[in-house]
Amino acid sequence: MKELDSNFWGEYLKIYDILNLSYPYKELMDIIISSFSEINNQIIFDAGSGTGNLSIRLSNFGGIVYSLDNSKEGLEIHRLKDKKANTYLHDLSKPLPFKDDFFDSIVSLNTICFIDEKYRDKIFSEFYRVLKDNGELIVVNLLDGFKAYKIFLFHIKFSIKNDGFLNFLKNIFPFFISALKILYYSKIIQKNNGRNRFFNKEEQFSYLNNNRFKKISKSKLIYADQAVFNKANK
């Protein structure tokens, strides 16, 4: 199937930050941040940084963050939000532009699942190469059978519960149009990728194990059960 081009990802990333308002996305970010053993003064690689949401949070906690993405548009949005951002335009399917044993930690959020399966093993191998001994890798990828609408149903449920129904109604309208666009783009992404190209629950664990990572956490479903989480050490 034809690969989605930079124009598509550019349009998608223009509205991507609406997810910052969604409860599942906020929870996802909190889980990732809390999973780091240490952030302050750590050299961290955000592999597939998009518009920089996670990178900015890590920087706010004192991390020295290297943000890499293959979307020029995403990196431009990131730099508008953080003029000091350390960004790299690069494709993860190619060898990384970093020396061996360089990073204290690596995080990759919902990125590898959009890269052709034939490159995935090499990506994890490159993560291992650039990670310091005993450094940690946190990786999240969308699950096989991913349903974007479940993320928004989760948001609606928790918004009503936490904010009250009237506040939910007041806040839903500016959110609604962008949310519909996100759902539309998500359907295109899923159709383009095909079910077999997203991760099954244990696939990440296998890639980590095959590439010599240790202390691999049990696979856990997060993001309204639409993504799989693992943490491991070199």
Protein backbone atom coordinates (compact mmCIF):
# COMPACT_ATOMS: atom_id res chain seq x y z
CA MET A 1 0.00 0.00 0.00
CA LYS A 2 1.23 3.51 -0.78
CA GLU A 3 3.13 5.22 2.04
CA LEU A 4 1.56 8.32 3.56
CA ASP A 5 3.54 11.35 2.38
CA SER A 6 4.88 14.41 4.20
CA ASN A 7 1.83 16.47 3.18
CA PHE A 8 -0.46 14.07 5.00
CA TRP A 9 1.65 14.02 8.16
CA GLY A 10 1.98 17.81 8.01
CA GLU A 11 -1.81 18.24 8.03
CA TYR A 12 -2.18 15.60 10.75
CA LEU A 13 0.42 17.23 12.99
CA LYS A 14 -1.22 20.66 12.66
CA ILE A 15 -4.13 19.36 14.74
CA TYR A 16 -2.27 16.72 16.74
CA ASP A 17 -1.84 18.93 19.80
CA ILE A 18 -5.59 18.85 20.45
CA LEU A 19 -4.72 15.57 22.16
CA ASN A 20 -3.15 17.61 24.97
CA LEU A 21 -6.74 18.30 26.07
CA SER A 22 -7.73 14.62 26.19
CA TYR A 23 -7.64 12.64 29.42
CA PRO A 24 -6.21 9.44 27.87
CA TYR A 25 -3.31 11.41 26.36
CA LYS A 26 -2.64 13.23 29.64
CA GLU A 27 -2.65 9.88 31.44
CA LEU A 28 -0.33 8.40 28.81
CA MET A 29 2.16 11.24 29.32
CA ASP A 30 1.99 10.87 33.10
CA ILE A 31 2.68 7.12 32.86
CA ILE A 32 5.71 7.69 30.66
CA ILE A 33 7.15 10.47 32.83
CA SER A 34 6.68 8.44 36.01
CA SER A 35 8.41 5.44 34.37
CA PHE A 36 11.79 7.18 34.17
CA SER A 37 14.15 6.29 37.01
CA GLU A 38 15.76 9.72 36.64
CA ILE A 39 15.14 12.72 34.35
CA ASN A 40 17.06 15.68 35.76
CA ASN A 41 20.43 16.14 34.00
CA GLN A 42 19.93 12.91 32.05
CA ILE A 43 20.68 12.78 28.30
CA ILE A 44 17.41 11.54 26.79
CA PHE A 45 16.58 10.54 23.23
CA ASP A 46 12.96 11.11 22.16
CA ALA A 47 12.74 8.83 19.12
CA GLY A 48 9.78 10.06 17.08
CA SER A 49 9.16 13.33 18.91
CA GLY A 50 6.37 14.67 16.65
CA THR A 51 5.32 18.13 17.80
CA GLY A 52 7.47 17.88 20.92
CA ASN A 53 4.88 17.34 23.65
CA LEU A 54 6.85 14.66 25.48
CA SER A 55 10.23 16.29 24.82
CA ILE A 56 9.04 19.56 26.34
CA ARG A 57 7.77 17.82 29.46
CA LEU A 58 11.07 15.98 29.85
CA SER A 59 12.96 19.25 29.43
CA ASN A 60 10.77 20.87 32.08
CA PHE A 61 11.86 18.12 34.46
CA GLY A 62 15.51 18.93 33.74
CA GLY A 63 16.23 16.41 31.00
CA ILE A 64 18.76 17.13 28.26
CA VAL A 65 16.55 16.04 25.37
CA TYR A 66 17.49 15.14 21.79
CA SER A 67 14.27 15.18 19.75
CA LEU A 68 14.24 13.28 16.47
CA ASP A 69 11.46 12.96 13.91
CA ASN A 70 11.14 12.48 10.16
CA SER A 71 8.49 15.20 9.88
CA LYS A 72 9.82 18.67 9.13
CA GLU A 73 6.38 20.08 9.97
CA GLY A 74 6.31 18.37 13.36
CA LEU A 75 9.76 19.67 14.27
CA GLU A 76 8.79 23.20 13.18
CA ILE A 77 5.76 23.10 15.51
CA HIS A 78 8.02 21.80 18.28
CA ARG A 79 10.47 24.69 17.84
CA LEU A 80 7.63 27.21 17.89
CA LYS A 81 6.68 25.88 21.32
CA ASP A 82 10.28 25.59 22.54
CA LYS A 83 12.85 27.76 20.77
CA LYS A 84 15.68 25.98 22.63
CA ALA A 85 14.62 22.53 21.45
CA ASN A 86 17.44 20.29 20.20
CA THR A 87 15.82 18.72 17.12
CA TYR A 88 16.97 16.33 14.40
CA LEU A 89 15.23 15.64 11.08
CA HIS A 90 15.91 11.94 10.52
CA ASP A 91 14.21 8.66 9.64
CA LEU A 92 14.39 5.90 12.26
CA SER A 93 14.63 3.29 9.51
CA LYS A 94 18.16 4.59 8.84
CA PRO A 95 21.20 4.36 11.17
CA LEU A 96 21.02 6.90 13.98
CA PRO A 97 23.32 9.97 13.83
CA PHE A 98 24.63 9.41 17.35
CA LYS A 99 27.72 7.68 18.73
CA ASP A 100 27.68 4.44 20.72
CA ASP A 101 26.67 4.55 24.41
CA PHE A 102 25.53 8.17 24.21
CA PHE A 103 22.12 8.33 25.91
CA ASP A 104 21.10 7.72 29.52
CA SER A 105 17.54 6.97 28.40
CA ILE A 106 15.50 6.51 25.23
CA VAL A 107 11.76 6.93 24.84
CA SER A 108 9.72 6.16 21.74
CA LEU A 109 6.01 6.93 21.77
CA ASN A 110 3.64 5.58 19.08
CA THR A 111 6.26 5.80 16.34
CA ILE A 112 7.76 2.42 15.44
CA CYS A 113 4.28 1.06 14.66
CA PHE A 114 4.18 3.41 11.64
CA ILE A 115 7.47 2.13 10.22
CA ASP A 116 7.65 -0.88 7.89
CA GLU A 117 8.11 -4.15 9.76
CA LYS A 118 11.33 -4.95 7.90
CA TYR A 119 13.09 -2.08 9.73
CA ARG A 120 11.81 -2.71 13.25
CA ASP A 121 14.45 -5.13 14.44
CA LYS A 122 17.18 -2.78 13.22
CA ILE A 123 15.56 0.13 15.07
CA PHE A 124 15.73 -1.73 18.38
CA SER A 125 19.31 -2.72 17.57
CA GLU A 126 20.19 0.94 17.02
CA PHE A 127 18.51 1.88 20.30
CA TYR A 128 20.72 -0.67 22.04
CA ARG A 129 23.83 0.72 20.34
CA VAL A 130 23.33 4.37 21.34
CA LEU A 131 22.15 3.60 24.88
CA LYS A 132 24.62 3.61 27.77
CA ASP A 133 25.21 0.46 29.76
CA ASN A 134 22.26 -0.03 32.13
CA GLY A 135 20.46 2.84 30.39
CA GLU A 136 16.70 2.49 30.09
CA LEU A 137 14.38 2.29 27.12
CA ILE A 138 10.68 3.15 27.39
CA VAL A 139 8.65 2.20 24.34
CA VAL A 140 4.95 2.52 23.51
CA ASN A 141 3.25 1.49 20.28
CA LEU A 142 -0.33 1.34 19.05
CA LEU A 143 -1.89 -2.07 19.42
CA ASP A 144 -3.07 -4.38 16.68
CA GLY A 145 -6.76 -3.55 16.21
CA PHE A 146 -6.28 0.03 17.45
CA LYS A 147 -9.55 1.99 17.65
CA ALA A 148 -9.17 5.77 17.85
CA TYR A 149 -12.81 6.27 18.87
CA LYS A 150 -12.19 4.34 22.12
CA ILE A 151 -9.68 6.99 23.15
CA PHE A 152 -12.29 9.72 22.68
CA LEU A 153 -14.99 7.72 24.46
CA PHE A 154 -12.55 7.38 27.37
CA HIS A 155 -12.06 11.16 27.28
CA ILE A 156 -15.80 11.88 27.30
CA LYS A 157 -16.38 9.52 30.23
CA PHE A 158 -13.63 11.04 32.38
CA SER A 159 -14.39 14.61 31.34
CA ILE A 160 -17.97 14.29 32.56
CA LYS A 161 -16.82 12.52 35.73
CA ASN A 162 -14.03 14.97 36.63
CA ASP A 163 -15.32 18.29 35.22
CA GLY A 164 -19.08 17.86 35.46
CA PHE A 165 -21.56 17.68 32.62
CA LEU A 166 -21.98 21.44 32.16
CA ASN A 167 -18.24 22.05 31.95
CA PHE A 168 -17.98 19.10 29.58
CA LEU A 169 -20.55 20.72 27.27
CA LYS A 170 -18.78 24.08 27.47
CA ASN A 171 -15.40 22.58 26.58
CA ILE A 172 -16.46 19.98 24.02
CA PHE A 173 -17.22 22.37 21.14
CA PRO A 174 -13.68 23.74 20.54
CA PHE A 175 -12.44 20.18 20.99
CA PHE A 176 -15.05 18.47 18.80
CA ILE A 177 -14.03 19.61 15.29
CA SER A 178 -10.35 18.79 15.79
CA ALA A 179 -11.32 15.49 17.42
CA LEU A 180 -13.34 14.55 14.34
CA LYS A 181 -10.34 15.37 12.14
CA ILE A 182 -8.09 13.24 14.35
CA LEU A 183 -10.53 10.34 14.02
CA TYR A 184 -10.64 10.80 10.24
CA TYR A 185 -6.86 10.86 9.91
CA SER A 186 -6.56 7.90 12.27
CA LYS A 187 -8.80 5.84 9.99
CA ILE A 188 -6.57 6.70 7.02
CA ILE A 189 -3.45 5.78 9.03
CA GLN A 190 -4.93 2.47 10.11
CA LYS A 191 -6.15 1.63 6.61
CA ASN A 192 -2.74 2.47 5.18
CA ASN A 193 -0.84 0.44 7.75
CA GLY A 194 -3.10 -2.56 7.86
CA ARG A 195 -3.77 -4.49 11.07
CA ASN A 196 -0.70 -6.68 10.68
CA ARG A 197 1.64 -3.67 10.87
CA PHE A 198 0.59 -2.51 14.32
CA PHE A 199 2.04 -4.30 17.34
CA ASN A 200 0.46 -7.28 19.02
CA LYS A 201 0.71 -7.30 22.81
CA GLU A 202 3.94 -9.30 23.04
CA GLU A 203 5.75 -8.08 19.92
CA GLN A 204 7.67 -5.30 21.65
CA PHE A 205 8.82 -7.73 24.32
CA SER A 206 10.18 -10.02 21.60
CA TYR A 207 12.08 -7.22 19.86
CA LEU A 208 13.59 -6.13 23.17
CA ASN A 209 14.55 -9.67 24.11
CA ASN A 210 16.03 -10.42 20.67
CA ASN A 211 18.20 -7.31 20.89
CA ARG A 212 19.77 -8.18 24.24
CA PHE A 213 17.79 -5.82 26.44
CA LYS A 214 17.35 -6.97 30.03
CA LYS A 215 14.93 -6.35 32.91
CA ILE A 216 12.14 -6.18 30.34
CA SER A 217 8.84 -5.26 31.97
CA LYS A 218 5.72 -7.28 31.42
CA SER A 219 3.75 -5.89 28.46
CA LYS A 220 1.02 -3.55 29.68
CA LEU A 221 -1.92 -1.99 27.83
CA ILE A 222 -2.31 1.78 28.27
CA TYR A 223 -3.89 4.72 26.38
CA ALA A 224 -7.46 3.45 26.80
CA ASP A 225 -6.03 -0.04 26.15
CA GLN A 226 -5.08 0.99 22.60
CA ALA A 227 -1.28 0.87 23.03
CA VAL A 228 1.27 -1.48 24.56
CA PHE A 229 3.97 -0.33 27.02
CA ASN A 230 7.34 -1.87 27.87
CA LYS A 231 10.39 -0.70 29.75
CA ALA A 232 13.82 -2.34 29.57
CA ASN A 233 17.49 -1.75 30.35
CA LYS A 234 20.64 -2.27 28.29
